[in-house]
Amino acid sequence: MKRQQILDAAYTVFSRKGYHRATVDEIIALADTGKGTVYNYFVSKEQLFYTLIKERSSKFEAELNMIATLAELPLIKIKKAIKVFLEFYVANADLWRVLMHEMRGLGHESSCFTEAQREKYRERFVHTIGILENILQEGIEQGAIRQCDVHKAAHGLFSVIVMMVFQGFVGEDDDSIDKAANNIADIFLYGVVER
């Protein structure tokens, strides 16, 4: 119970202030707990941040992995994956803006993350994009998708999904998410040329 209170408070503080400006003291105050309690569960601010990212994304990653293993056409899998991405990023937009900002800054010498810490975040991102790459590769192998660089295509698709959410083009309701997923899939798979 206390652990979840701390994570909920961390979500609020990190989402509002970003990683570097957020303090453990603010998280402690919002969670209405003591410093010792926080450090019983999390040894550092970075571990708290990473745990929050990991736990918020675990269900999302499991859903993506499940979609990748479905015995369905790759084009259907792509549409389903887009919808799952949209649902996840709509629900967690503020925290993921912070993560993406921090990831862009991770290569700078001013970052307070160690190389091992930077690698943890990269691995999560590479794994998620890798699921899209695998679905696209399956589509190529089945002749449903033309030969392309699946690495670049997956990153392009991911960028479109994230920007649609971050620009506010996707509402929080299921209907809005469904429409956006179908629109993104249609444009990604078939382009904008009149058929």
C-alpha atoms as a PDB file:
ATOM      1  CA  MET A   1       0.000   0.000   0.000  1.00  0.00           C
ATOM      2  CA  LYS A   2       2.706   2.500   0.994  1.00  0.00           C
ATOM      3  CA  ARG A   3       4.833   1.450  -1.959  1.00  0.00           C
ATOM      4  CA  GLN A   4       1.973   2.176  -4.351  1.00  0.00           C
ATOM      5  CA  GLN A   5       1.317   5.533  -2.647  1.00  0.00           C
ATOM      6  CA  ILE A   6       4.955   6.432  -3.231  1.00  0.00           C
ATOM      7  CA  LEU A   7       4.775   5.379  -6.895  1.00  0.00           C
ATOM      8  CA  ASP A   8       1.552   7.333  -7.408  1.00  0.00           C
ATOM      9  CA  ALA A   9       3.125  10.411  -5.842  1.00  0.00           C
ATOM     10  CA  ALA A  10       6.248   9.920  -7.954  1.00  0.00           C
ATOM     11  CA  TYR A  11       4.093   9.737 -11.095  1.00  0.00           C
ATOM     12  CA  THR A  12       2.508  13.084 -10.217  1.00  0.00           C
ATOM     13  CA  VAL A  13       5.755  14.832  -9.295  1.00  0.00           C
ATOM     14  CA  PHE A  14       7.838  13.499 -12.203  1.00  0.00           C
ATOM     15  CA  SER A  15       5.016  14.234 -14.663  1.00  0.00           C
ATOM     16  CA  ARG A  16       4.712  17.835 -13.500  1.00  0.00           C
ATOM     17  CA  LYS A  17       8.346  18.729 -12.904  1.00  0.00           C
ATOM     18  CA  GLY A  18      10.458  16.397 -15.009  1.00  0.00           C
ATOM     19  CA  TYR A  19      13.128  14.074 -13.686  1.00  0.00           C
ATOM     20  CA  HIS A  20      15.873  16.558 -12.830  1.00  0.00           C
ATOM     21  CA  ARG A  21      13.659  19.180 -11.143  1.00  0.00           C
ATOM     22  CA  ALA A  22      11.653  16.618  -9.148  1.00  0.00           C
ATOM     23  CA  THR A  23      12.887  15.930  -5.635  1.00  0.00           C
ATOM     24  CA  VAL A  24      12.418  12.937  -3.398  1.00  0.00           C
ATOM     25  CA  ASP A  25      11.254  15.344  -0.670  1.00  0.00           C
ATOM     26  CA  GLU A  26       8.329  16.444  -2.884  1.00  0.00           C
ATOM     27  CA  ILE A  27       7.420  12.813  -3.510  1.00  0.00           C
ATOM     28  CA  ILE A  28       7.617  12.074   0.225  1.00  0.00           C
ATOM     29  CA  ALA A  29       5.339  15.034   1.038  1.00  0.00           C
ATOM     30  CA  LEU A  30       2.763  14.060  -1.584  1.00  0.00           C
ATOM     31  CA  ALA A  31       2.842  10.394  -0.525  1.00  0.00           C
ATOM     32  CA  ASP A  32       2.453  11.514   3.095  1.00  0.00           C
ATOM     33  CA  THR A  33       5.199   9.217   4.267  1.00  0.00           C
ATOM     34  CA  GLY A  34       8.688   9.414   5.737  1.00  0.00           C
ATOM     35  CA  LYS A  35      12.051   9.488   4.002  1.00  0.00           C
ATOM     36  CA  GLY A  36      12.996   6.159   5.587  1.00  0.00           C
ATOM     37  CA  THR A  37       9.887   4.501   4.153  1.00  0.00           C
ATOM     38  CA  VAL A  38      10.723   5.699   0.642  1.00  0.00           C
ATOM     39  CA  TYR A  39      14.307   4.498   0.923  1.00  0.00           C
ATOM     40  CA  ASN A  40      13.123   1.121   2.242  1.00  0.00           C
ATOM     41  CA  TYR A  41      11.514   0.568  -1.156  1.00  0.00           C
ATOM     42  CA  PHE A  42      13.768   2.579  -3.475  1.00  0.00           C
ATOM     43  CA  VAL A  43      17.485   3.183  -3.010  1.00  0.00           C
ATOM     44  CA  SER A  44      17.591   6.322  -5.173  1.00  0.00           C
ATOM     45  CA  LYS A  45      15.515   8.787  -7.151  1.00  0.00           C
ATOM     46  CA  GLU A  46      16.644   7.109 -10.361  1.00  0.00           C
ATOM     47  CA  GLN A  47      15.560   3.668  -9.150  1.00  0.00           C
ATOM     48  CA  LEU A  48      12.184   5.120  -8.193  1.00  0.00           C
ATOM     49  CA  PHE A  49      11.846   6.698 -11.657  1.00  0.00           C
ATOM     50  CA  TYR A  50      12.886   3.497 -13.431  1.00  0.00           C
ATOM     51  CA  THR A  51      10.528   1.369 -11.301  1.00  0.00           C
ATOM     52  CA  LEU A  52       7.690   3.736 -12.128  1.00  0.00           C
ATOM     53  CA  ILE A  53       8.456   3.488 -15.873  1.00  0.00           C
ATOM     54  CA  LYS A  54       8.812  -0.299 -15.686  1.00  0.00           C
ATOM     55  CA  GLU A  55       5.612  -0.891 -13.733  1.00  0.00           C
ATOM     56  CA  ARG A  56       3.553   1.575 -15.792  1.00  0.00           C
ATOM     57  CA  SER A  57       4.670  -0.117 -19.009  1.00  0.00           C
ATOM     58  CA  SER A  58       4.521  -3.811 -18.011  1.00  0.00           C
ATOM     59  CA  LYS A  59       0.873  -4.399 -19.021  1.00  0.00           C
ATOM     60  CA  PHE A  60       1.399  -2.431 -22.244  1.00  0.00           C
ATOM     61  CA  GLU A  61       4.473  -4.490 -23.165  1.00  0.00           C
ATOM     62  CA  ALA A  62       2.635  -7.741 -22.376  1.00  0.00           C
ATOM     63  CA  GLU A  63      -0.230  -6.699 -24.683  1.00  0.00           C
ATOM     64  CA  LEU A  64       2.207  -5.876 -27.492  1.00  0.00           C
ATOM     65  CA  ASN A  65       3.969  -9.220 -27.073  1.00  0.00           C
ATOM     66  CA  MET A  66       0.606 -10.984 -27.186  1.00  0.00           C
ATOM     67  CA  ILE A  67      -0.367  -9.163 -30.394  1.00  0.00           C
ATOM     68  CA  ALA A  68       2.939 -10.155 -32.012  1.00  0.00           C
ATOM     69  CA  THR A  69       2.193 -13.842 -31.380  1.00  0.00           C
ATOM     70  CA  LEU A  70      -1.379 -13.818 -32.694  1.00  0.00           C
ATOM     71  CA  ALA A  71      -2.177 -16.064 -35.638  1.00  0.00           C
ATOM     72  CA  GLU A  72      -3.532 -13.116 -37.618  1.00  0.00           C
ATOM     73  CA  LEU A  73      -2.448 -11.186 -40.680  1.00  0.00           C
ATOM     74  CA  PRO A  74       0.394  -8.737 -40.005  1.00  0.00           C
ATOM     75  CA  LEU A  75      -1.738  -5.776 -41.183  1.00  0.00           C
ATOM     76  CA  ILE A  76      -4.319  -6.593 -38.510  1.00  0.00           C
ATOM     77  CA  LYS A  77      -1.536  -6.943 -35.934  1.00  0.00           C
ATOM     78  CA  ILE A  78      -0.188  -3.522 -36.898  1.00  0.00           C
ATOM     79  CA  LYS A  79      -3.611  -1.923 -36.377  1.00  0.00           C
ATOM     80  CA  LYS A  80      -3.985  -3.649 -33.004  1.00  0.00           C
ATOM     81  CA  ALA A  81      -0.478  -2.622 -31.949  1.00  0.00           C
ATOM     82  CA  ILE A  82      -1.158   1.008 -32.917  1.00  0.00           C
ATOM     83  CA  LYS A  83      -4.299   0.985 -30.783  1.00  0.00           C
ATOM     84  CA  VAL A  84      -2.410  -0.432 -27.778  1.00  0.00           C
ATOM     85  CA  PHE A  85       0.331   2.193 -28.210  1.00  0.00           C
ATOM     86  CA  LEU A  86      -2.279   4.957 -28.357  1.00  0.00           C
ATOM     87  CA  GLU A  87      -4.130   3.707 -25.273  1.00  0.00           C
ATOM     88  CA  PHE A  88      -0.891   3.527 -23.341  1.00  0.00           C
ATOM     89  CA  TYR A  89       0.498   6.909 -24.373  1.00  0.00           C
ATOM     90  CA  VAL A  90      -2.827   8.695 -23.882  1.00  0.00           C
ATOM     91  CA  ALA A  91      -3.015   7.294 -20.328  1.00  0.00           C
ATOM     92  CA  ASN A  92       0.639   8.057 -19.530  1.00  0.00           C
ATOM     93  CA  ALA A  93       1.411  11.045 -21.757  1.00  0.00           C
ATOM     94  CA  ASP A  94       2.867  13.369 -19.117  1.00  0.00           C
ATOM     95  CA  LEU A  95       5.285  10.831 -17.667  1.00  0.00           C
ATOM     96  CA  TRP A  96       6.394   9.635 -21.109  1.00  0.00           C
ATOM     97  CA  ARG A  97       7.066  13.207 -22.230  1.00  0.00           C
ATOM     98  CA  VAL A  98       9.467  13.386 -19.296  1.00  0.00           C
ATOM     99  CA  LEU A  99      11.064  10.049 -20.175  1.00  0.00           C
ATOM    100  CA  MET A 100      11.527  10.986 -23.826  1.00  0.00           C
ATOM    101  CA  HIS A 101      12.982  14.344 -22.853  1.00  0.00           C
ATOM    102  CA  GLU A 102      15.395  12.629 -20.493  1.00  0.00           C
ATOM    103  CA  MET A 103      16.290   9.985 -23.095  1.00  0.00           C
ATOM    104  CA  ARG A 104      17.169  12.698 -25.593  1.00  0.00           C
ATOM    105  CA  GLY A 105      19.388  14.256 -22.961  1.00  0.00           C
ATOM    106  CA  LEU A 106      20.959  11.006 -21.798  1.00  0.00           C
ATOM    107  CA  GLY A 107      23.844  11.292 -24.237  1.00  0.00           C
ATOM    108  CA  HIS A 108      24.929  14.650 -22.839  1.00  0.00           C
ATOM    109  CA  GLU A 109      27.751  14.855 -20.363  1.00  0.00           C
ATOM    110  CA  SER A 110      25.515  16.879 -18.053  1.00  0.00           C
ATOM    111  CA  SER A 111      23.278  13.848 -17.470  1.00  0.00           C
ATOM    112  CA  CYS A 112      23.407  12.444 -13.966  1.00  0.00           C
ATOM    113  CA  PHE A 113      22.643   8.931 -15.227  1.00  0.00           C
ATOM    114  CA  THR A 114      25.441   6.390 -15.440  1.00  0.00           C
ATOM    115  CA  GLU A 115      26.017   4.482 -18.663  1.00  0.00           C
ATOM    116  CA  ALA A 116      24.386   1.402 -17.098  1.00  0.00           C
ATOM    117  CA  GLN A 117      21.318   3.449 -16.175  1.00  0.00           C
ATOM    118  CA  ARG A 118      21.111   4.933 -19.682  1.00  0.00           C
ATOM    119  CA  GLU A 119      21.299   1.437 -21.109  1.00  0.00           C
ATOM    120  CA  LYS A 120      18.295   0.270 -19.025  1.00  0.00           C
ATOM    121  CA  TYR A 121      16.089   2.901 -20.655  1.00  0.00           C
ATOM    122  CA  ARG A 122      17.481   2.223 -24.129  1.00  0.00           C
ATOM    123  CA  GLU A 123      16.806  -1.505 -23.750  1.00  0.00           C
ATOM    124  CA  ARG A 124      13.142  -0.907 -22.883  1.00  0.00           C
ATOM    125  CA  PHE A 125      12.720   1.367 -25.885  1.00  0.00           C
ATOM    126  CA  VAL A 126      14.568  -1.003 -28.255  1.00  0.00           C
ATOM    127  CA  HIS A 127      12.406  -3.902 -27.066  1.00  0.00           C
ATOM    128  CA  THR A 128       9.165  -2.000 -27.668  1.00  0.00           C
ATOM    129  CA  ILE A 129      10.204  -0.807 -31.139  1.00  0.00           C
ATOM    130  CA  GLY A 130      11.512  -4.320 -31.811  1.00  0.00           C
ATOM    131  CA  ILE A 131       7.985  -5.708 -31.490  1.00  0.00           C
ATOM    132  CA  LEU A 132       6.855  -3.388 -34.287  1.00  0.00           C
ATOM    133  CA  GLU A 133       9.896  -4.389 -36.350  1.00  0.00           C
ATOM    134  CA  ASN A 134       9.013  -8.078 -35.947  1.00  0.00           C
ATOM    135  CA  ILE A 135       5.420  -7.532 -37.058  1.00  0.00           C
ATOM    136  CA  LEU A 136       6.592  -5.544 -40.087  1.00  0.00           C
ATOM    137  CA  GLN A 137       9.157  -8.232 -40.956  1.00  0.00           C
ATOM    138  CA  GLU A 138       6.433 -10.864 -40.742  1.00  0.00           C
ATOM    139  CA  GLY A 139       4.367  -8.761 -43.170  1.00  0.00           C
ATOM    140  CA  ILE A 140       7.290  -8.638 -45.608  1.00  0.00           C
ATOM    141  CA  GLU A 141       7.824 -12.390 -45.377  1.00  0.00           C
ATOM    142  CA  GLN A 142       4.116 -12.981 -46.075  1.00  0.00           C
ATOM    143  CA  GLY A 143       4.136 -10.564 -49.020  1.00  0.00           C
ATOM    144  CA  ALA A 144       1.661  -8.177 -47.371  1.00  0.00           C
ATOM    145  CA  ILE A 145       4.236  -5.393 -46.951  1.00  0.00           C
ATOM    146  CA  ARG A 146       6.802  -4.369 -49.546  1.00  0.00           C
ATOM    147  CA  GLN A 147      10.496  -4.770 -48.791  1.00  0.00           C
ATOM    148  CA  CYS A 148      11.646  -1.921 -46.547  1.00  0.00           C
ATOM    149  CA  ASP A 149      14.005  -1.104 -43.708  1.00  0.00           C
ATOM    150  CA  VAL A 150      11.846  -2.372 -40.830  1.00  0.00           C
ATOM    151  CA  HIS A 151      14.022  -0.596 -38.279  1.00  0.00           C
ATOM    152  CA  LYS A 152      13.360   2.816 -39.838  1.00  0.00           C
ATOM    153  CA  ALA A 153       9.722   1.989 -40.607  1.00  0.00           C
ATOM    154  CA  ALA A 154       9.061   0.953 -36.995  1.00  0.00           C
ATOM    155  CA  HIS A 155      10.688   4.139 -35.680  1.00  0.00           C
ATOM    156  CA  GLY A 156       8.643   6.198 -38.140  1.00  0.00           C
ATOM    157  CA  LEU A 157       5.409   4.538 -37.065  1.00  0.00           C
ATOM    158  CA  PHE A 158       6.297   4.984 -33.396  1.00  0.00           C
ATOM    159  CA  SER A 159       7.059   8.675 -33.972  1.00  0.00           C
ATOM    160  CA  VAL A 160       3.710   9.251 -35.651  1.00  0.00           C
ATOM    161  CA  ILE A 161       1.849   7.527 -32.810  1.00  0.00           C
ATOM    162  CA  VAL A 162       3.630   9.488 -30.103  1.00  0.00           C
ATOM    163  CA  MET A 163       3.288  12.836 -31.892  1.00  0.00           C
ATOM    164  CA  MET A 164      -0.446  12.280 -32.453  1.00  0.00           C
ATOM    165  CA  VAL A 165      -0.835  11.832 -28.695  1.00  0.00           C
ATOM    166  CA  PHE A 166       1.544  14.593 -27.616  1.00  0.00           C
ATOM    167  CA  GLN A 167      -0.027  17.100 -30.011  1.00  0.00           C
ATOM    168  CA  GLY A 168      -3.461  16.353 -28.556  1.00  0.00           C
ATOM    169  CA  PHE A 169      -4.885  14.786 -31.733  1.00  0.00           C
ATOM    170  CA  VAL A 170      -6.177  11.759 -29.810  1.00  0.00           C
ATOM    171  CA  GLY A 171      -8.870  11.996 -27.142  1.00  0.00           C
ATOM    172  CA  GLU A 172      -9.027   9.794 -24.067  1.00  0.00           C
ATOM    173  CA  ASP A 173     -12.248   7.975 -24.988  1.00  0.00           C
ATOM    174  CA  ASP A 174     -12.273   4.602 -26.755  1.00  0.00           C
ATOM    175  CA  ASP A 175     -13.987   5.989 -29.863  1.00  0.00           C
ATOM    176  CA  SER A 176     -11.312   8.655 -30.356  1.00  0.00           C
ATOM    177  CA  ILE A 177      -8.526   6.111 -29.840  1.00  0.00           C
ATOM    178  CA  ASP A 178     -10.157   3.664 -32.301  1.00  0.00           C
ATOM    179  CA  LYS A 179     -10.537   6.371 -34.965  1.00  0.00           C
ATOM    180  CA  ALA A 180      -6.963   7.566 -34.488  1.00  0.00           C
ATOM    181  CA  ALA A 181      -5.599   3.997 -34.623  1.00  0.00           C
ATOM    182  CA  ASN A 182      -7.485   3.288 -37.872  1.00  0.00           C
ATOM    183  CA  ASN A 183      -6.365   6.613 -39.358  1.00  0.00           C
ATOM    184  CA  ILE A 184      -2.701   6.090 -38.459  1.00  0.00           C
ATOM    185  CA  ALA A 185      -2.757   2.502 -39.711  1.00  0.00           C
ATOM    186  CA  ASP A 186      -4.424   3.514 -42.960  1.00  0.00           C
ATOM    187  CA  ILE A 187      -1.940   6.304 -43.691  1.00  0.00           C
ATOM    188  CA  PHE A 188       1.070   4.239 -42.565  1.00  0.00           C
ATOM    189  CA  LEU A 189       0.074   1.185 -44.590  1.00  0.00           C
ATOM    190  CA  TYR A 190      -1.435   2.815 -47.680  1.00  0.00           C
ATOM    191  CA  GLY A 191      -0.175   6.417 -47.760  1.00  0.00           C
ATOM    192  CA  VAL A 192      -2.166   9.505 -48.592  1.00  0.00           C
ATOM    193  CA  VAL A 193      -2.397   8.975 -52.350  1.00  0.00           C
ATOM    194  CA  GLU A 194      -5.905   8.522 -53.769  1.00  0.00           C
ATOM    195  CA  ARG A 195      -6.394   4.833 -54.614  1.00  0.00           C
END
